[in-house]
Amino acid sequence: MKNGSQLSWEEAMSYFKDQTGNFGPANWSSGIFPTGEDQYPVSGISWYEAAAYAEFSHKSLPTLYHWLPLLIAF
């Protein structure tokens, strides 16, 4: 989904490209994570990538209400 409209598979996949235009997180290059970061958590992904993965894994992203207790604590 984008702006309330359902995207086709091809349209959605066009948003999941790395620096070279290959599929992967935005900060990867040619489908390979940055050197020396093989044990790091994946970073630099877009909200769309995170939302797609959450939906694929039958989960959801945290909402403001999930973060609110942490924000109030500070």
C-alpha atoms as a PDB file:
ATOM      1  CA  MET A   1       0.000   0.000   0.000  1.00  0.00           C
ATOM      2  CA  LYS A   2       1.127   3.535  -0.719  1.00  0.00           C
ATOM      3  CA  ASN A   3      -0.966   6.638  -0.077  1.00  0.00           C
ATOM      4  CA  GLY A   4      -4.008   4.415   0.475  1.00  0.00           C
ATOM      5  CA  SER A   5      -3.682   2.624  -2.865  1.00  0.00           C
ATOM      6  CA  GLN A   6      -2.607  -0.968  -3.324  1.00  0.00           C
ATOM      7  CA  LEU A   7       0.495  -1.312  -5.465  1.00  0.00           C
ATOM      8  CA  SER A   8       1.125  -4.115  -7.910  1.00  0.00           C
ATOM      9  CA  TRP A   9       4.016  -6.451  -7.097  1.00  0.00           C
ATOM     10  CA  GLU A  10       6.195  -4.752  -9.717  1.00  0.00           C
ATOM     11  CA  GLU A  11       5.410  -1.263  -8.395  1.00  0.00           C
ATOM     12  CA  ALA A  12       6.138  -2.290  -4.811  1.00  0.00           C
ATOM     13  CA  MET A  13       9.406  -4.005  -5.714  1.00  0.00           C
ATOM     14  CA  SER A  14      10.631  -0.856  -7.443  1.00  0.00           C
ATOM     15  CA  TYR A  15      10.922   0.767  -3.994  1.00  0.00           C
ATOM     16  CA  PHE A  16      13.225  -1.899  -2.548  1.00  0.00           C
ATOM     17  CA  LYS A  17      16.506  -1.112  -4.302  1.00  0.00           C
ATOM     18  CA  ASP A  18      20.056  -0.635  -3.033  1.00  0.00           C
ATOM     19  CA  GLN A  19      22.601   1.975  -4.145  1.00  0.00           C
ATOM     20  CA  THR A  20      23.258   0.129  -7.413  1.00  0.00           C
ATOM     21  CA  GLY A  21      19.606  -0.471  -8.287  1.00  0.00           C
ATOM     22  CA  ASN A  22      19.624  -4.112  -7.135  1.00  0.00           C
ATOM     23  CA  PHE A  23      17.123  -5.447  -4.641  1.00  0.00           C
ATOM     24  CA  GLY A  24      18.189  -4.903  -1.031  1.00  0.00           C
ATOM     25  CA  PRO A  25      18.310  -2.337   1.780  1.00  0.00           C
ATOM     26  CA  ALA A  26      19.113   1.190   0.627  1.00  0.00           C
ATOM     27  CA  ASN A  27      22.589   1.298   2.195  1.00  0.00           C
ATOM     28  CA  TRP A  28      23.723  -2.021   0.649  1.00  0.00           C
ATOM     29  CA  SER A  29      25.586  -2.199  -2.657  1.00  0.00           C
ATOM     30  CA  SER A  30      25.006  -4.932  -5.275  1.00  0.00           C
ATOM     31  CA  GLY A  31      23.017  -6.951  -2.757  1.00  0.00           C
ATOM     32  CA  ILE A  32      25.912  -6.983  -0.266  1.00  0.00           C
ATOM     33  CA  PHE A  33      25.920  -5.386   3.172  1.00  0.00           C
ATOM     34  CA  PRO A  34      28.656  -2.856   4.012  1.00  0.00           C
ATOM     35  CA  THR A  35      32.097  -4.357   4.719  1.00  0.00           C
ATOM     36  CA  GLY A  36      32.625  -5.284   8.348  1.00  0.00           C
ATOM     37  CA  GLU A  37      28.917  -5.171   9.206  1.00  0.00           C
ATOM     38  CA  ASP A  38      28.098  -8.871   8.816  1.00  0.00           C
ATOM     39  CA  GLN A  39      27.226  -9.189  12.535  1.00  0.00           C
ATOM     40  CA  TYR A  40      25.370  -5.850  12.752  1.00  0.00           C
ATOM     41  CA  PRO A  41      21.586  -5.515  12.658  1.00  0.00           C
ATOM     42  CA  VAL A  42      20.271  -4.418   9.265  1.00  0.00           C
ATOM     43  CA  SER A  43      20.032  -0.629   9.151  1.00  0.00           C
ATOM     44  CA  GLY A  44      19.148   2.031   6.633  1.00  0.00           C
ATOM     45  CA  ILE A  45      15.931   0.372   5.531  1.00  0.00           C
ATOM     46  CA  SER A  46      12.946   2.465   4.599  1.00  0.00           C
ATOM     47  CA  TRP A  47       9.625   2.436   6.408  1.00  0.00           C
ATOM     48  CA  TYR A  48       8.185   0.642   3.375  1.00  0.00           C
ATOM     49  CA  GLU A  49      10.773  -2.127   3.618  1.00  0.00           C
ATOM     50  CA  ALA A  50      10.120  -2.528   7.344  1.00  0.00           C
ATOM     51  CA  ALA A  51       6.338  -2.552   6.820  1.00  0.00           C
ATOM     52  CA  ALA A  52       6.619  -5.113   4.014  1.00  0.00           C
ATOM     53  CA  TYR A  53       8.760  -7.403   6.149  1.00  0.00           C
ATOM     54  CA  ALA A  54       6.415  -7.036   9.138  1.00  0.00           C
ATOM     55  CA  GLU A  55       3.428  -7.951   6.991  1.00  0.00           C
ATOM     56  CA  PHE A  56       5.325 -10.876   5.443  1.00  0.00           C
ATOM     57  CA  SER A  57       6.164 -12.204   8.919  1.00  0.00           C
ATOM     58  CA  HIS A  58       2.563 -11.668  10.137  1.00  0.00           C
ATOM     59  CA  LYS A  59       3.636  -8.959  12.583  1.00  0.00           C
ATOM     60  CA  SER A  60       3.252  -5.202  12.744  1.00  0.00           C
ATOM     61  CA  LEU A  61       5.481  -2.199  13.283  1.00  0.00           C
ATOM     62  CA  PRO A  62       5.292  -0.412  16.632  1.00  0.00           C
ATOM     63  CA  THR A  63       2.934   2.534  16.776  1.00  0.00           C
ATOM     64  CA  LEU A  64       3.170   5.766  18.730  1.00  0.00           C
ATOM     65  CA  TYR A  65       1.261   4.054  21.523  1.00  0.00           C
ATOM     66  CA  HIS A  66       4.004   1.412  21.822  1.00  0.00           C
ATOM     67  CA  TRP A  67       6.676   4.120  22.131  1.00  0.00           C
ATOM     68  CA  LEU A  68       4.719   6.545  24.319  1.00  0.00           C
ATOM     69  CA  PRO A  69       5.665   4.962  27.698  1.00  0.00           C
ATOM     70  CA  LEU A  70       9.329   5.188  26.724  1.00  0.00           C
ATOM     71  CA  LEU A  71       8.982   8.809  25.644  1.00  0.00           C
ATOM     72  CA  ILE A  72       7.218   9.756  28.869  1.00  0.00           C
ATOM     73  CA  ALA A  73       9.942   8.073  30.955  1.00  0.00           C
ATOM     74  CA  PHE A  74      12.529  10.534  29.616  1.00  0.00           C
END
